[in-house]
Amino acid sequence: MTRQAAESRGRRSETVAAWWLRLHGWRILARRARVPGGEVDIVARRGHTLAFVEVKARATEAAAGFSLDAYRLRRVAVAAQRLTARYMRPGDDVRIDAIYLVPGRLPRHQANIWQG
């Protein structure tokens, strides 16, 4: 897969994940929020929960589960920490979530994947 094709696939996957979140009551605050040291695919809010969401699209459920390793999670955590001041309100709970996309299946939203 070329870099351009991978970029296009990633954007489509993030769009699907954003719609999935909206259908479940989340408001999308930002997509592809970048800071020095990392990027967060989606920043979303539902009530007093602020979630930094990493989106992973893979061919199989197993590949999706393994795609978010400790290194990638640390990068998301660094970005989330740097973005928190921009999006957090008093009384918010902040967490890092993941959405896994696999062809032929509904998206799987895994809440609170980072225990840093």
N, C-alpha and C. Protein backbone atom coordinates (compact mmCIF):
# COMPACT_ATOMS: atom_id res chain seq x y z
N MET A 1 0.85 -1.18 0.00
CA MET A 1 0.00 0.00 0.00
C MET A 1 0.89 1.24 0.00
N THR A 2 0.60 2.18 -0.87
CA THR A 2 1.39 3.40 -0.94
C THR A 2 1.05 4.31 0.24
N ARG A 3 1.90 5.26 0.48
CA ARG A 3 1.68 6.22 1.56
C ARG A 3 0.36 6.98 1.35
N GLN A 4 0.11 7.36 0.10
CA GLN A 4 -1.11 8.09 -0.22
C GLN A 4 -2.36 7.23 0.01
N ALA A 5 -2.29 5.97 -0.37
CA ALA A 5 -3.42 5.06 -0.17
C ALA A 5 -3.66 4.83 1.33
N ALA A 6 -2.57 4.68 2.09
CA ALA A 6 -2.70 4.49 3.53
C ALA A 6 -3.31 5.72 4.19
N GLU A 7 -2.90 6.90 3.75
CA GLU A 7 -3.45 8.15 4.28
C GLU A 7 -4.95 8.24 3.99
N SER A 8 -5.33 7.89 2.79
CA SER A 8 -6.74 7.92 2.40
C SER A 8 -7.56 6.91 3.21
N ARG A 9 -7.01 5.72 3.38
CA ARG A 9 -7.70 4.69 4.18
C ARG A 9 -7.86 5.15 5.62
N GLY A 10 -6.81 5.78 6.16
CA GLY A 10 -6.87 6.28 7.53
C GLY A 10 -7.93 7.35 7.71
N ARG A 11 -8.03 8.26 6.76
CA ARG A 11 -9.06 9.31 6.84
C ARG A 11 -10.47 8.72 6.77
N ARG A 12 -10.67 7.74 5.88
CA ARG A 12 -11.99 7.08 5.79
C ARG A 12 -12.32 6.37 7.10
N SER A 13 -11.33 5.70 7.67
CA SER A 13 -11.55 4.98 8.93
C SER A 13 -11.90 5.94 10.05
N GLU A 14 -11.24 7.07 10.10
CA GLU A 14 -11.54 8.07 11.13
C GLU A 14 -12.93 8.65 10.94
N THR A 15 -13.36 8.80 9.70
CA THR A 15 -14.72 9.29 9.44
C THR A 15 -15.75 8.28 9.94
N VAL A 16 -15.53 7.00 9.66
CA VAL A 16 -16.44 5.95 10.14
C VAL A 16 -16.47 5.96 11.67
N ALA A 17 -15.31 6.05 12.29
CA ALA A 17 -15.24 6.05 13.76
C ALA A 17 -15.95 7.28 14.34
N ALA A 18 -15.78 8.43 13.71
CA ALA A 18 -16.45 9.64 14.20
C ALA A 18 -17.96 9.49 14.12
N TRP A 19 -18.46 8.93 13.05
CA TRP A 19 -19.90 8.71 12.93
C TRP A 19 -20.38 7.69 13.97
N TRP A 20 -19.60 6.66 14.20
CA TRP A 20 -19.96 5.67 15.22
C TRP A 20 -20.10 6.34 16.60
N LEU A 21 -19.13 7.19 16.90
CA LEU A 21 -19.19 7.91 18.18
C LEU A 21 -20.42 8.81 18.24
N ARG A 22 -20.68 9.55 17.17
CA ARG A 22 -21.86 10.43 17.15
C ARG A 22 -23.14 9.63 17.39
N LEU A 23 -23.25 8.47 16.75
CA LEU A 23 -24.44 7.63 16.92
C LEU A 23 -24.61 7.15 18.35
N HIS A 24 -23.52 7.17 19.11
CA HIS A 24 -23.57 6.74 20.52
C HIS A 24 -23.50 7.92 21.49
N GLY A 25 -23.87 9.10 21.00
CA GLY A 25 -24.03 10.25 21.89
C GLY A 25 -22.79 11.11 22.12
N TRP A 26 -21.73 10.88 21.39
CA TRP A 26 -20.51 11.67 21.55
C TRP A 26 -20.55 12.88 20.62
N ARG A 27 -19.93 13.96 21.06
CA ARG A 27 -19.75 15.14 20.22
C ARG A 27 -18.28 15.19 19.82
N ILE A 28 -18.02 15.32 18.55
CA ILE A 28 -16.64 15.35 18.05
C ILE A 28 -16.11 16.78 18.19
N LEU A 29 -15.03 16.93 18.94
CA LEU A 29 -14.43 18.24 19.16
C LEU A 29 -13.30 18.52 18.18
N ALA A 30 -12.59 17.48 17.77
CA ALA A 30 -11.47 17.65 16.84
C ALA A 30 -11.13 16.32 16.20
N ARG A 31 -10.55 16.42 15.02
CA ARG A 31 -10.02 15.25 14.32
C ARG A 31 -8.59 15.56 13.94
N ARG A 32 -7.74 14.55 14.08
CA ARG A 32 -6.32 14.68 13.78
C ARG A 32 -5.69 15.87 14.51
N ALA A 33 -5.89 15.91 15.79
CA ALA A 33 -5.33 16.97 16.63
C ALA A 33 -3.84 16.68 16.83
N ARG A 34 -3.00 17.58 16.33
CA ARG A 34 -1.55 17.38 16.37
C ARG A 34 -0.88 18.33 17.34
N VAL A 35 0.10 17.78 18.03
CA VAL A 35 0.96 18.55 18.93
C VAL A 35 2.36 17.98 18.79
N PRO A 36 3.38 18.71 19.23
CA PRO A 36 4.72 18.12 19.20
C PRO A 36 4.74 16.82 19.99
N GLY A 37 5.20 15.75 19.37
CA GLY A 37 5.30 14.47 20.06
C GLY A 37 4.19 13.49 19.77
N GLY A 38 3.16 13.92 19.02
CA GLY A 38 2.11 12.97 18.73
C GLY A 38 0.87 13.58 18.12
N GLU A 39 -0.09 12.71 17.91
CA GLU A 39 -1.35 13.09 17.29
C GLU A 39 -2.45 12.23 17.88
N VAL A 40 -3.64 12.83 17.99
CA VAL A 40 -4.82 12.09 18.42
C VAL A 40 -5.79 12.10 17.25
N ASP A 41 -6.31 10.92 16.90
CA ASP A 41 -7.20 10.83 15.74
C ASP A 41 -8.50 11.59 15.96
N ILE A 42 -9.13 11.39 17.13
CA ILE A 42 -10.41 12.04 17.42
C ILE A 42 -10.42 12.49 18.88
N VAL A 43 -10.90 13.71 19.10
CA VAL A 43 -11.16 14.19 20.46
C VAL A 43 -12.68 14.30 20.56
N ALA A 44 -13.27 13.63 21.54
CA ALA A 44 -14.72 13.59 21.66
C ALA A 44 -15.16 13.81 23.10
N ARG A 45 -16.40 14.28 23.24
CA ARG A 45 -16.97 14.54 24.56
C ARG A 45 -18.38 13.94 24.62
N ARG A 46 -18.67 13.33 25.77
CA ARG A 46 -20.04 12.91 26.09
C ARG A 46 -20.24 13.20 27.55
N GLY A 47 -21.09 14.16 27.83
CA GLY A 47 -21.31 14.58 29.22
C GLY A 47 -20.03 15.14 29.81
N HIS A 48 -19.61 14.57 30.93
CA HIS A 48 -18.38 15.01 31.59
C HIS A 48 -17.20 14.10 31.27
N THR A 49 -17.28 13.37 30.17
CA THR A 49 -16.17 12.51 29.76
C THR A 49 -15.54 13.07 28.51
N LEU A 50 -14.26 13.32 28.58
CA LEU A 50 -13.45 13.77 27.45
C LEU A 50 -12.59 12.60 27.02
N ALA A 51 -12.74 12.18 25.77
CA ALA A 51 -12.00 11.01 25.29
C ALA A 51 -11.10 11.39 24.13
N PHE A 52 -9.88 10.91 24.20
CA PHE A 52 -8.92 11.00 23.11
C PHE A 52 -8.91 9.62 22.47
N VAL A 53 -9.34 9.54 21.21
CA VAL A 53 -9.63 8.26 20.58
C VAL A 53 -8.63 7.96 19.47
N GLU A 54 -8.02 6.81 19.56
CA GLU A 54 -7.13 6.29 18.52
C GLU A 54 -7.93 5.33 17.66
N VAL A 55 -7.85 5.47 16.35
CA VAL A 55 -8.61 4.63 15.41
C VAL A 55 -7.64 3.69 14.70
N LYS A 56 -7.97 2.40 14.70
CA LYS A 56 -7.15 1.40 14.02
C LYS A 56 -8.03 0.56 13.11
N ALA A 57 -7.72 0.56 11.82
CA ALA A 57 -8.44 -0.27 10.84
C ALA A 57 -7.48 -1.35 10.37
N ARG A 58 -7.90 -2.59 10.49
CA ARG A 58 -7.07 -3.72 10.09
C ARG A 58 -7.94 -4.77 9.42
N ALA A 59 -7.30 -5.71 8.76
CA ALA A 59 -8.02 -6.74 8.00
C ALA A 59 -8.68 -7.77 8.90
N THR A 60 -8.11 -8.01 10.09
CA THR A 60 -8.67 -9.01 11.00
C THR A 60 -8.78 -8.45 12.40
N GLU A 61 -9.61 -9.09 13.20
CA GLU A 61 -9.78 -8.69 14.60
C GLU A 61 -8.46 -8.82 15.37
N ALA A 62 -7.72 -9.89 15.12
CA ALA A 62 -6.44 -10.10 15.81
C ALA A 62 -5.45 -9.00 15.45
N ALA A 63 -5.35 -8.68 14.16
CA ALA A 63 -4.43 -7.63 13.72
C ALA A 63 -4.81 -6.29 14.33
N ALA A 64 -6.10 -6.02 14.43
CA ALA A 64 -6.55 -4.77 15.03
C ALA A 64 -6.13 -4.67 16.49
N GLY A 65 -6.29 -5.77 17.22
CA GLY A 65 -5.91 -5.78 18.63
C GLY A 65 -4.43 -5.57 18.86
N PHE A 66 -3.61 -6.12 17.98
CA PHE A 66 -2.15 -6.00 18.12
C PHE A 66 -1.61 -4.68 17.57
N SER A 67 -2.42 -3.94 16.84
CA SER A 67 -1.93 -2.74 16.16
C SER A 67 -1.65 -1.58 17.11
N LEU A 68 -2.19 -1.63 18.30
CA LEU A 68 -1.99 -0.54 19.25
C LEU A 68 -1.04 -1.00 20.35
N ASP A 69 0.24 -0.92 20.06
CA ASP A 69 1.26 -1.39 21.00
C ASP A 69 1.63 -0.28 21.99
N ALA A 70 2.51 -0.61 22.91
CA ALA A 70 2.89 0.33 23.97
C ALA A 70 3.50 1.61 23.42
N TYR A 71 4.32 1.50 22.37
CA TYR A 71 4.94 2.69 21.78
C TYR A 71 3.87 3.64 21.23
N ARG A 72 2.93 3.12 20.47
CA ARG A 72 1.88 3.97 19.89
C ARG A 72 0.98 4.55 20.98
N LEU A 73 0.69 3.75 21.98
CA LEU A 73 -0.12 4.25 23.09
C LEU A 73 0.57 5.39 23.83
N ARG A 74 1.87 5.28 24.02
CA ARG A 74 2.61 6.36 24.69
C ARG A 74 2.53 7.65 23.88
N ARG A 75 2.64 7.54 22.55
CA ARG A 75 2.55 8.73 21.70
C ARG A 75 1.17 9.38 21.81
N VAL A 76 0.13 8.56 21.83
CA VAL A 76 -1.22 9.08 22.00
C VAL A 76 -1.37 9.72 23.38
N ALA A 77 -0.81 9.08 24.40
CA ALA A 77 -0.90 9.61 25.76
C ALA A 77 -0.19 10.96 25.88
N VAL A 78 0.96 11.10 25.25
CA VAL A 78 1.69 12.38 25.26
C VAL A 78 0.85 13.46 24.58
N ALA A 79 0.30 13.13 23.43
CA ALA A 79 -0.53 14.09 22.71
C ALA A 79 -1.77 14.45 23.54
N ALA A 80 -2.41 13.45 24.14
CA ALA A 80 -3.60 13.70 24.94
C ALA A 80 -3.27 14.61 26.13
N GLN A 81 -2.15 14.36 26.77
CA GLN A 81 -1.76 15.19 27.90
C GLN A 81 -1.56 16.64 27.47
N ARG A 82 -0.96 16.84 26.32
CA ARG A 82 -0.71 18.20 25.82
C ARG A 82 -1.99 18.88 25.33
N LEU A 83 -2.97 18.10 24.92
CA LEU A 83 -4.23 18.65 24.41
C LEU A 83 -5.28 18.83 25.50
N THR A 84 -5.09 18.22 26.65
CA THR A 84 -6.10 18.25 27.70
C THR A 84 -6.49 19.67 28.08
N ALA A 85 -5.53 20.55 28.25
CA ALA A 85 -5.84 21.92 28.66
C ALA A 85 -6.74 22.63 27.65
N ARG A 86 -6.60 22.27 26.40
CA ARG A 86 -7.39 22.90 25.34
C ARG A 86 -8.87 22.48 25.39
N TYR A 87 -9.14 21.24 25.79
CA TYR A 87 -10.50 20.71 25.69
C TYR A 87 -11.18 20.39 27.01
N MET A 88 -10.42 20.28 28.08
CA MET A 88 -10.98 19.85 29.36
C MET A 88 -11.76 20.98 30.03
N ARG A 89 -12.86 20.59 30.67
CA ARG A 89 -13.67 21.49 31.49
C ARG A 89 -13.56 21.03 32.94
N PRO A 90 -13.82 21.93 33.89
CA PRO A 90 -13.80 21.51 35.29
C PRO A 90 -14.77 20.34 35.51
N GLY A 91 -14.31 19.33 36.23
CA GLY A 91 -15.12 18.18 36.56
C GLY A 91 -15.11 17.07 35.52
N ASP A 92 -14.36 17.25 34.44
CA ASP A 92 -14.31 16.22 33.41
C ASP A 92 -13.46 15.04 33.83
N ASP A 93 -13.88 13.87 33.37
CA ASP A 93 -13.05 12.67 33.43
C ASP A 93 -12.37 12.59 32.06
N VAL A 94 -11.08 12.34 32.06
CA VAL A 94 -10.32 12.26 30.82
C VAL A 94 -9.84 10.83 30.63
N ARG A 95 -9.95 10.32 29.40
CA ARG A 95 -9.49 8.96 29.14
C ARG A 95 -9.02 8.84 27.69
N ILE A 96 -8.32 7.75 27.44
CA ILE A 96 -7.89 7.42 26.09
C ILE A 96 -8.63 6.15 25.68
N ASP A 97 -9.29 6.23 24.53
CA ASP A 97 -10.08 5.11 24.00
C ASP A 97 -9.49 4.66 22.67
N ALA A 98 -9.96 3.54 22.19
CA ALA A 98 -9.60 3.07 20.84
C ALA A 98 -10.86 2.59 20.15
N ILE A 99 -10.90 2.77 18.85
CA ILE A 99 -11.95 2.19 18.02
C ILE A 99 -11.26 1.34 16.98
N TYR A 100 -11.65 0.06 16.93
CA TYR A 100 -11.08 -0.88 15.97
C TYR A 100 -12.08 -1.14 14.86
N LEU A 101 -11.62 -1.03 13.63
CA LEU A 101 -12.46 -1.26 12.46
C LEU A 101 -11.94 -2.46 11.69
N VAL A 102 -12.83 -3.43 11.47
CA VAL A 102 -12.50 -4.65 10.74
C VAL A 102 -13.60 -4.85 9.70
N PRO A 103 -13.24 -5.15 8.45
CA PRO A 103 -14.27 -5.33 7.42
C PRO A 103 -15.31 -6.38 7.82
N GLY A 104 -16.57 -6.07 7.54
CA GLY A 104 -17.65 -7.00 7.81
C GLY A 104 -18.13 -7.03 9.25
N ARG A 105 -17.59 -6.16 10.09
CA ARG A 105 -17.98 -6.12 11.50
C ARG A 105 -18.30 -4.69 11.91
N LEU A 106 -19.10 -4.57 12.95
CA LEU A 106 -19.35 -3.24 13.50
C LEU A 106 -18.08 -2.75 14.20
N PRO A 107 -17.89 -1.44 14.25
CA PRO A 107 -16.73 -0.91 14.98
C PRO A 107 -16.77 -1.37 16.44
N ARG A 108 -15.59 -1.58 17.00
CA ARG A 108 -15.48 -1.97 18.41
C ARG A 108 -14.81 -0.83 19.17
N HIS A 109 -15.54 -0.25 20.12
CA HIS A 109 -15.05 0.87 20.92
C HIS A 109 -14.55 0.33 22.26
N GLN A 110 -13.28 0.50 22.49
CA GLN A 110 -12.68 0.06 23.76
C GLN A 110 -12.35 1.29 24.58
N ALA A 111 -12.99 1.43 25.70
CA ALA A 111 -12.83 2.60 26.55
C ALA A 111 -11.64 2.46 27.49
N ASN A 112 -11.02 3.60 27.78
CA ASN A 112 -9.99 3.70 28.82
C ASN A 112 -8.86 2.67 28.64
N ILE A 113 -8.19 2.73 27.51
CA ILE A 113 -7.15 1.74 27.21
C ILE A 113 -5.79 2.08 27.80
N TRP A 114 -5.62 3.30 28.28
CA TRP A 114 -4.32 3.72 28.79
C TRP A 114 -4.40 3.91 30.30
N GLN A 115 -3.57 3.22 31.02
CA GLN A 115 -3.49 3.36 32.47
C GLN A 115 -2.13 3.90 32.85
N GLY A 116 -1.85 5.12 32.41
CA GLY A 116 -0.52 5.71 32.62
C GLY A 116 -0.43 6.36 33.90
